[in-house]
N, C-alpha and C. Protein backbone atom coordinates (compact mmCIF):
# COMPACT_ATOMS: atom_id res chain seq x y z
N MET A 1 131.53 104.42 123.04
CA MET A 1 132.04 103.70 121.88
C MET A 1 132.22 104.69 120.73
N ARG A 2 133.31 104.56 120.05
CA ARG A 2 133.65 105.46 118.95
C ARG A 2 132.80 105.14 117.71
N GLY A 3 132.31 106.19 117.04
CA GLY A 3 131.48 106.01 115.84
C GLY A 3 132.29 105.57 114.64
N LYS A 4 131.57 105.00 113.66
CA LYS A 4 132.21 104.57 112.42
C LYS A 4 131.54 105.29 111.25
N PRO A 5 132.33 105.74 110.29
CA PRO A 5 131.73 106.42 109.14
C PRO A 5 130.91 105.46 108.28
N THR A 6 129.94 106.02 107.60
CA THR A 6 129.07 105.24 106.73
C THR A 6 129.87 104.45 105.71
N SER A 7 130.92 105.05 105.18
CA SER A 7 131.70 104.40 104.13
C SER A 7 132.46 103.17 104.61
N ALA A 8 132.64 103.02 105.91
CA ALA A 8 133.43 101.90 106.44
C ALA A 8 132.80 100.54 106.16
N SER A 9 131.49 100.51 106.01
CA SER A 9 130.83 99.22 105.79
C SER A 9 129.97 99.19 104.52
N ARG A 10 130.00 100.26 103.75
CA ARG A 10 129.22 100.31 102.50
C ARG A 10 129.74 99.23 101.56
N LEU A 11 128.82 98.56 100.87
CA LEU A 11 129.21 97.42 100.04
C LEU A 11 128.28 97.28 98.84
N THR A 12 128.81 96.79 97.73
CA THR A 12 128.01 96.49 96.53
C THR A 12 128.26 95.05 96.13
N LEU A 13 127.18 94.38 95.77
CA LEU A 13 127.23 93.00 95.28
C LEU A 13 126.58 92.98 93.91
N SER A 14 127.23 92.39 92.93
CA SER A 14 126.65 92.25 91.58
C SER A 14 126.59 90.78 91.21
N GLN A 15 125.49 90.40 90.58
CA GLN A 15 125.30 89.00 90.20
C GLN A 15 124.45 88.92 88.94
N ILE A 16 124.86 88.05 88.02
CA ILE A 16 124.06 87.80 86.82
C ILE A 16 122.93 86.86 87.19
N MET A 17 121.72 87.23 86.84
CA MET A 17 120.56 86.40 87.16
C MET A 17 120.34 85.39 86.04
N ASP A 18 120.12 84.13 86.42
CA ASP A 18 119.94 83.09 85.40
C ASP A 18 118.61 82.37 85.59
N ASP A 19 118.38 81.35 84.76
CA ASP A 19 117.07 80.69 84.76
C ASP A 19 116.76 79.95 86.07
N HIS A 20 117.77 79.67 86.89
CA HIS A 20 117.52 79.03 88.19
C HIS A 20 116.90 80.00 89.19
N ASP A 21 116.92 81.30 88.86
CA ASP A 21 116.41 82.33 89.76
C ASP A 21 114.96 82.72 89.46
N THR A 22 114.34 82.09 88.47
CA THR A 22 113.04 82.57 88.01
C THR A 22 111.85 81.98 88.75
N ASN A 23 110.74 82.71 88.65
CA ASN A 23 109.45 82.25 89.18
C ASN A 23 108.60 81.74 88.01
N LEU A 24 107.35 81.45 88.26
CA LEU A 24 106.46 80.94 87.21
C LEU A 24 106.14 81.99 86.15
N MET A 25 106.40 83.24 86.44
CA MET A 25 106.15 84.32 85.49
C MET A 25 107.33 84.54 84.55
N GLY A 26 108.43 83.83 84.81
CA GLY A 26 109.61 83.97 83.97
C GLY A 26 110.52 85.12 84.35
N THR A 27 110.24 85.75 85.48
CA THR A 27 111.11 86.81 85.99
C THR A 27 111.80 86.30 87.26
N VAL A 28 112.74 87.06 87.76
CA VAL A 28 113.46 86.63 88.95
C VAL A 28 112.51 86.61 90.14
N HIS A 29 112.51 85.52 90.86
CA HIS A 29 111.66 85.31 92.03
C HIS A 29 112.00 86.34 93.10
N GLY A 30 110.97 86.95 93.67
CA GLY A 30 111.19 87.93 94.73
C GLY A 30 111.97 87.36 95.89
N GLY A 31 111.76 86.09 96.19
CA GLY A 31 112.49 85.45 97.29
C GLY A 31 113.98 85.36 97.03
N VAL A 32 114.37 85.20 95.78
CA VAL A 32 115.80 85.19 95.43
C VAL A 32 116.40 86.55 95.73
N LEU A 33 115.69 87.59 95.31
CA LEU A 33 116.16 88.95 95.57
C LEU A 33 116.21 89.23 97.07
N MET A 34 115.19 88.78 97.79
CA MET A 34 115.16 89.00 99.25
C MET A 34 116.32 88.31 99.95
N LYS A 35 116.65 87.10 99.51
CA LYS A 35 117.77 86.37 100.11
C LYS A 35 119.09 87.11 99.89
N LEU A 36 119.29 87.60 98.68
CA LEU A 36 120.51 88.36 98.39
C LEU A 36 120.57 89.64 99.22
N VAL A 37 119.42 90.32 99.33
CA VAL A 37 119.34 91.55 100.13
C VAL A 37 119.69 91.25 101.59
N ASP A 38 119.10 90.19 102.15
CA ASP A 38 119.35 89.84 103.55
C ASP A 38 120.80 89.43 103.77
N SER A 39 121.36 88.68 102.84
CA SER A 39 122.77 88.27 102.96
C SER A 39 123.70 89.47 102.94
N LEU A 40 123.47 90.39 102.02
CA LEU A 40 124.32 91.57 101.92
C LEU A 40 124.16 92.45 103.16
N ALA A 41 122.93 92.61 103.64
CA ALA A 41 122.70 93.40 104.86
C ALA A 41 123.44 92.78 106.03
N GLY A 42 123.49 91.46 106.08
CA GLY A 42 124.22 90.78 107.15
C GLY A 42 125.71 91.07 107.12
N VAL A 43 126.29 91.11 105.94
CA VAL A 43 127.72 91.41 105.82
C VAL A 43 127.99 92.87 106.21
N VAL A 44 127.14 93.78 105.73
CA VAL A 44 127.31 95.20 106.05
C VAL A 44 127.20 95.42 107.56
N SER A 45 126.21 94.79 108.19
CA SER A 45 126.04 94.97 109.64
C SER A 45 127.20 94.35 110.41
N ALA A 46 127.70 93.21 109.94
CA ALA A 46 128.84 92.57 110.60
C ALA A 46 130.08 93.45 110.50
N ARG A 47 130.28 94.07 109.35
CA ARG A 47 131.44 94.95 109.20
C ARG A 47 131.32 96.17 110.11
N HIS A 48 130.10 96.71 110.19
CA HIS A 48 129.92 97.90 111.04
C HIS A 48 130.11 97.54 112.52
N SER A 49 129.52 96.41 112.92
CA SER A 49 129.54 96.04 114.35
C SER A 49 130.74 95.18 114.72
N GLU A 50 131.51 94.76 113.72
CA GLU A 50 132.69 93.92 113.91
C GLU A 50 132.37 92.61 114.59
N GLY A 51 131.31 91.96 114.08
CA GLY A 51 130.93 90.66 114.59
C GLY A 51 129.58 90.24 114.03
N ALA A 52 129.09 89.14 114.55
CA ALA A 52 127.85 88.55 114.05
C ALA A 52 126.65 89.43 114.35
N SER A 53 125.65 89.31 113.47
CA SER A 53 124.37 89.98 113.68
C SER A 53 123.29 89.12 113.06
N VAL A 54 122.06 89.36 113.50
CA VAL A 54 120.91 88.61 112.99
C VAL A 54 119.85 89.60 112.53
N THR A 55 119.07 89.18 111.55
CA THR A 55 117.99 90.03 111.05
C THR A 55 116.84 90.02 112.05
N ALA A 56 116.45 91.20 112.50
CA ALA A 56 115.34 91.33 113.44
C ALA A 56 114.05 91.67 112.71
N SER A 57 114.15 92.46 111.65
CA SER A 57 112.95 92.80 110.87
C SER A 57 113.34 93.30 109.49
N VAL A 58 112.40 93.15 108.60
CA VAL A 58 112.49 93.78 107.29
C VAL A 58 111.39 94.83 107.31
N ASP A 59 111.79 96.08 107.47
CA ASP A 59 110.80 97.15 107.58
C ASP A 59 110.04 97.33 106.28
N GLU A 60 110.75 97.21 105.20
CA GLU A 60 110.13 97.48 103.92
C GLU A 60 110.93 96.80 102.82
N MET A 61 110.21 96.21 101.88
CA MET A 61 110.84 95.64 100.68
C MET A 61 109.91 96.01 99.54
N VAL A 62 110.37 96.90 98.69
CA VAL A 62 109.55 97.38 97.59
C VAL A 62 110.15 96.89 96.28
N PHE A 63 109.33 96.18 95.50
CA PHE A 63 109.74 95.72 94.18
C PHE A 63 109.16 96.71 93.17
N ARG A 64 110.03 97.38 92.42
CA ARG A 64 109.58 98.43 91.49
C ARG A 64 109.44 97.94 90.06
N VAL A 65 110.40 97.14 89.62
CA VAL A 65 110.45 96.68 88.23
C VAL A 65 110.91 95.23 88.24
N PRO A 66 110.31 94.35 87.44
CA PRO A 66 110.78 92.96 87.41
C PRO A 66 112.23 92.86 86.93
N VAL A 67 112.93 91.88 87.50
CA VAL A 67 114.29 91.56 87.08
C VAL A 67 114.19 90.32 86.20
N ARG A 68 114.92 90.32 85.10
CA ARG A 68 114.83 89.23 84.12
C ARG A 68 116.11 88.41 84.06
N VAL A 69 115.98 87.23 83.53
CA VAL A 69 117.16 86.41 83.27
C VAL A 69 118.07 87.20 82.33
N GLY A 70 119.34 87.21 82.64
CA GLY A 70 120.31 87.97 81.84
C GLY A 70 120.57 89.37 82.38
N ASP A 71 119.79 89.78 83.36
CA ASP A 71 120.07 91.05 84.00
C ASP A 71 121.24 90.89 84.97
N VAL A 72 122.05 91.92 85.08
CA VAL A 72 123.07 91.96 86.12
C VAL A 72 122.46 92.76 87.26
N LEU A 73 122.23 92.10 88.38
CA LEU A 73 121.64 92.72 89.54
C LEU A 73 122.76 93.31 90.39
N HIS A 74 122.60 94.58 90.77
CA HIS A 74 123.57 95.27 91.61
C HIS A 74 122.87 95.66 92.90
N LEU A 75 123.37 95.20 94.03
CA LEU A 75 122.82 95.56 95.33
C LEU A 75 123.81 96.47 96.03
N HIS A 76 123.34 97.64 96.45
CA HIS A 76 124.16 98.63 97.14
C HIS A 76 123.61 98.76 98.55
N ALA A 77 124.45 98.53 99.56
CA ALA A 77 123.97 98.53 100.94
C ALA A 77 124.88 99.36 101.84
N GLN A 78 124.25 99.94 102.88
CA GLN A 78 125.01 100.67 103.88
C GLN A 78 124.22 100.74 105.17
N VAL A 79 124.93 101.00 106.26
CA VAL A 79 124.27 101.25 107.55
C VAL A 79 123.74 102.68 107.51
N ASN A 80 122.43 102.82 107.68
CA ASN A 80 121.82 104.14 107.70
C ASN A 80 121.77 104.74 109.10
N TRP A 81 121.63 103.86 110.10
CA TRP A 81 121.42 104.30 111.48
C TRP A 81 121.87 103.18 112.40
N ALA A 82 122.37 103.52 113.56
CA ALA A 82 122.74 102.52 114.56
C ALA A 82 122.29 102.99 115.93
N GLY A 83 121.71 102.07 116.70
CA GLY A 83 121.30 102.33 118.06
C GLY A 83 122.27 101.67 119.02
N ALA A 84 121.75 101.25 120.16
CA ALA A 84 122.61 100.62 121.16
C ALA A 84 123.10 99.25 120.69
N THR A 85 122.19 98.44 120.12
CA THR A 85 122.55 97.09 119.67
C THR A 85 122.05 96.78 118.27
N SER A 86 121.25 97.66 117.70
CA SER A 86 120.65 97.39 116.39
C SER A 86 121.12 98.40 115.36
N MET A 87 120.96 98.02 114.09
CA MET A 87 121.36 98.85 112.96
C MET A 87 120.30 98.75 111.88
N GLU A 88 120.01 99.87 111.21
CA GLU A 88 119.19 99.81 110.01
C GLU A 88 120.12 99.79 108.81
N ILE A 89 119.91 98.81 107.95
CA ILE A 89 120.67 98.69 106.72
C ILE A 89 119.74 99.01 105.56
N GLY A 90 120.14 99.94 104.72
CA GLY A 90 119.39 100.25 103.51
C GLY A 90 120.04 99.55 102.33
N VAL A 91 119.19 98.94 101.49
CA VAL A 91 119.69 98.25 100.30
C VAL A 91 118.92 98.75 99.09
N ARG A 92 119.64 99.19 98.09
CA ARG A 92 119.05 99.64 96.83
C ARG A 92 119.50 98.68 95.74
N ALA A 93 118.54 98.15 95.00
CA ALA A 93 118.84 97.20 93.93
C ALA A 93 118.63 97.86 92.57
N THR A 94 119.62 97.72 91.71
CA THR A 94 119.50 98.19 90.33
C THR A 94 119.84 97.02 89.42
N ALA A 95 119.45 97.12 88.16
CA ALA A 95 119.77 96.06 87.20
C ALA A 95 120.03 96.65 85.83
N ASP A 96 120.91 96.00 85.10
CA ASP A 96 121.14 96.33 83.70
C ASP A 96 121.36 95.03 82.95
N ARG A 97 121.36 95.10 81.64
CA ARG A 97 121.51 93.89 80.83
C ARG A 97 122.97 93.48 80.75
N TRP A 98 123.19 92.18 80.70
CA TRP A 98 124.55 91.64 80.66
C TRP A 98 125.27 91.99 79.37
N ASP A 99 124.52 92.20 78.28
CA ASP A 99 125.14 92.37 76.97
C ASP A 99 125.00 93.77 76.40
N ARG A 100 124.59 94.74 77.23
CA ARG A 100 124.40 96.10 76.73
C ARG A 100 124.97 97.11 77.73
N SER A 101 125.46 98.20 77.19
CA SER A 101 125.90 99.31 78.05
C SER A 101 124.75 100.29 78.18
N VAL A 102 123.88 100.02 79.15
CA VAL A 102 122.73 100.89 79.40
C VAL A 102 122.76 101.29 80.87
N PRO A 103 122.19 102.42 81.20
CA PRO A 103 122.16 102.81 82.61
C PRO A 103 121.35 101.81 83.44
N PRO A 104 121.79 101.50 84.65
CA PRO A 104 121.02 100.59 85.51
C PRO A 104 119.67 101.20 85.87
N VAL A 105 118.68 100.33 86.04
CA VAL A 105 117.33 100.72 86.42
C VAL A 105 117.12 100.35 87.88
N HIS A 106 116.51 101.25 88.65
CA HIS A 106 116.20 100.98 90.06
C HIS A 106 115.07 99.94 90.10
N VAL A 107 115.36 98.75 90.63
CA VAL A 107 114.37 97.66 90.61
C VAL A 107 113.76 97.36 91.97
N ALA A 108 114.44 97.68 93.06
CA ALA A 108 113.90 97.39 94.38
C ALA A 108 114.67 98.16 95.45
N SER A 109 114.02 98.32 96.60
CA SER A 109 114.66 98.93 97.78
C SER A 109 114.20 98.18 99.01
N ALA A 110 115.05 98.14 100.02
CA ALA A 110 114.70 97.46 101.26
C ALA A 110 115.38 98.14 102.44
N TYR A 111 114.72 98.05 103.59
CA TYR A 111 115.26 98.51 104.86
C TYR A 111 115.15 97.36 105.85
N LEU A 112 116.27 96.95 106.41
CA LEU A 112 116.30 95.85 107.35
C LEU A 112 116.89 96.32 108.67
N VAL A 113 116.43 95.72 109.76
CA VAL A 113 117.00 95.99 111.07
C VAL A 113 117.72 94.73 111.51
N LEU A 114 119.00 94.86 111.82
CA LEU A 114 119.79 93.74 112.31
C LEU A 114 120.30 94.06 113.70
N VAL A 115 120.39 93.03 114.52
CA VAL A 115 120.87 93.17 115.89
C VAL A 115 122.20 92.44 116.00
N ALA A 116 123.19 93.13 116.55
CA ALA A 116 124.49 92.50 116.78
C ALA A 116 124.37 91.55 117.96
N ILE A 117 124.98 90.38 117.83
CA ILE A 117 124.92 89.39 118.91
C ILE A 117 126.32 88.94 119.31
N ASP A 118 126.42 88.50 120.57
CA ASP A 118 127.69 87.98 121.07
C ASP A 118 127.73 86.47 120.87
N ASP A 119 128.74 85.83 121.43
CA ASP A 119 128.92 84.38 121.26
C ASP A 119 127.80 83.55 121.88
N HIS A 120 127.01 84.17 122.76
CA HIS A 120 125.91 83.46 123.43
C HIS A 120 124.56 83.83 122.82
N GLY A 121 124.58 84.58 121.71
CA GLY A 121 123.34 84.96 121.04
C GLY A 121 122.62 86.13 121.68
N ARG A 122 123.28 86.82 122.59
CA ARG A 122 122.68 87.98 123.26
C ARG A 122 123.09 89.26 122.54
N PRO A 123 122.19 90.27 122.54
CA PRO A 123 122.54 91.54 121.90
C PRO A 123 123.81 92.14 122.51
N ARG A 124 124.61 92.76 121.65
CA ARG A 124 125.84 93.42 122.11
C ARG A 124 125.89 94.83 121.52
N PRO A 125 126.64 95.71 122.16
CA PRO A 125 126.71 97.10 121.69
C PRO A 125 127.31 97.23 120.30
N VAL A 126 126.82 98.24 119.58
CA VAL A 126 127.39 98.56 118.26
C VAL A 126 127.81 100.02 118.25
N PRO A 127 128.80 100.36 117.42
CA PRO A 127 129.21 101.76 117.35
C PRO A 127 128.15 102.61 116.64
N PRO A 128 128.04 103.87 117.02
CA PRO A 128 127.14 104.74 116.27
C PRO A 128 127.65 104.91 114.84
N VAL A 129 126.73 105.21 113.94
CA VAL A 129 127.12 105.48 112.56
C VAL A 129 127.36 106.98 112.43
N VAL A 130 128.40 107.33 111.67
CA VAL A 130 128.74 108.73 111.45
C VAL A 130 128.47 109.05 109.97
N PRO A 131 127.34 109.70 109.69
CA PRO A 131 127.04 110.07 108.30
C PRO A 131 128.10 111.03 107.76
N GLU A 132 128.48 110.81 106.50
CA GLU A 132 129.57 111.61 105.92
C GLU A 132 129.11 112.61 104.88
N THR A 133 128.03 112.31 104.20
CA THR A 133 127.57 113.17 103.10
C THR A 133 126.14 113.65 103.39
N ASP A 134 125.67 114.58 102.58
CA ASP A 134 124.27 115.03 102.71
C ASP A 134 123.32 113.86 102.51
N GLU A 135 123.64 112.99 101.56
CA GLU A 135 122.81 111.80 101.31
C GLU A 135 122.81 110.89 102.54
N ASP A 136 123.96 110.69 103.15
CA ASP A 136 124.05 109.88 104.37
C ASP A 136 123.22 110.50 105.50
N ARG A 137 123.29 111.82 105.62
CA ARG A 137 122.52 112.50 106.68
C ARG A 137 121.02 112.37 106.43
N ARG A 138 120.59 112.45 105.16
CA ARG A 138 119.18 112.24 104.82
C ARG A 138 118.75 110.83 105.18
N ARG A 139 119.55 109.84 104.80
CA ARG A 139 119.23 108.44 105.11
C ARG A 139 119.16 108.22 106.62
N HIS A 140 120.08 108.83 107.36
CA HIS A 140 120.11 108.70 108.81
C HIS A 140 118.83 109.28 109.42
N ALA A 141 118.43 110.45 108.97
CA ALA A 141 117.21 111.08 109.49
C ALA A 141 115.98 110.24 109.16
N GLU A 142 115.88 109.75 107.94
CA GLU A 142 114.73 108.92 107.55
C GLU A 142 114.71 107.61 108.31
N ALA A 143 115.88 107.04 108.61
CA ALA A 143 115.94 105.81 109.40
C ALA A 143 115.39 106.06 110.79
N GLY A 144 115.67 107.23 111.36
CA GLY A 144 115.11 107.58 112.66
C GLY A 144 113.60 107.65 112.64
N ILE A 145 113.04 108.16 111.56
CA ILE A 145 111.58 108.20 111.40
C ILE A 145 111.01 106.79 111.32
N ARG A 146 111.66 105.92 110.54
CA ARG A 146 111.19 104.54 110.44
C ARG A 146 111.25 103.84 111.79
N ARG A 147 112.30 104.10 112.56
CA ARG A 147 112.43 103.50 113.89
C ARG A 147 111.30 103.97 114.81
N THR A 148 111.02 105.26 114.80
CA THR A 148 109.93 105.80 115.62
C THR A 148 108.60 105.14 115.25
N HIS A 149 108.33 104.99 113.97
CA HIS A 149 107.10 104.34 113.51
C HIS A 149 107.06 102.87 113.91
N ARG A 150 108.20 102.18 113.78
CA ARG A 150 108.28 100.77 114.14
C ARG A 150 107.97 100.57 115.62
N LEU A 151 108.57 101.40 116.47
CA LEU A 151 108.34 101.30 117.92
C LEU A 151 106.90 101.67 118.28
N ALA A 152 106.35 102.70 117.64
CA ALA A 152 104.96 103.10 117.91
C ALA A 152 103.99 102.00 117.49
N ARG A 153 104.25 101.38 116.34
CA ARG A 153 103.39 100.28 115.86
C ARG A 153 103.44 99.11 116.84
N ARG A 154 104.64 98.78 117.30
CA ARG A 154 104.79 97.69 118.26
C ARG A 154 104.03 98.00 119.56
N ALA A 155 104.16 99.23 120.04
CA ALA A 155 103.47 99.63 121.27
C ALA A 155 101.95 99.59 121.09
N ALA A 156 101.46 100.04 119.96
CA ALA A 156 100.02 100.03 119.68
C ALA A 156 99.47 98.61 119.63
N ILE A 157 100.20 97.72 119.00
CA ILE A 157 99.77 96.32 118.91
C ILE A 157 99.76 95.69 120.30
N THR A 158 100.80 95.94 121.08
CA THR A 158 100.86 95.42 122.44
C THR A 158 99.70 95.95 123.28
N ALA A 159 99.41 97.23 123.16
CA ALA A 159 98.30 97.84 123.90
C ALA A 159 96.96 97.24 123.49
N SER A 160 96.79 96.97 122.19
CA SER A 160 95.52 96.42 121.73
C SER A 160 95.30 95.00 122.25
N ARG A 161 96.36 94.29 122.50
CA ARG A 161 96.23 92.91 123.01
C ARG A 161 95.83 92.89 124.47
N THR A 162 96.24 93.90 125.22
CA THR A 162 95.87 93.94 126.64
C THR A 162 94.43 94.39 126.84
N VAL A 163 93.87 95.13 125.86
CA VAL A 163 92.50 95.61 125.93
C VAL A 163 91.53 94.51 125.54
N ALA A 164 91.87 93.73 124.55
CA ALA A 164 90.94 92.73 124.00
C ALA A 164 90.79 91.50 124.85
């Protein structure tokens, strides 16, 4: 299968956060941010794989700074790595104020693994990702490390269940 460049499915979503998005602390609810991250990752993975995909895991979701009502949330996503049927999507969230020209602040990051599926819900092949820049190559290498850790953790948990 022919590879696809990282830029082919890279995508940005921007949304103004309002009072319907808040938690009891008066900031944007983490679940709202997670839903947007998952939705964007789904679109990026579908563009890369040219079809439907489902979220298999969220490897990491780090909230760095609270997002407030009136912030414009910007989500930047791309395929960092692709295997036989799965893809790691990296999402970086930044925010700035709706009424000011200030540099965006990095508010969250996430890494999700999505699996491409066919019409019967079975995994289907995906094209390899072709990193284009030094940053893409760094992300690709780090995604490989996360995959190795994910598989080792799964194997260790499985092994511990057979011993106990």
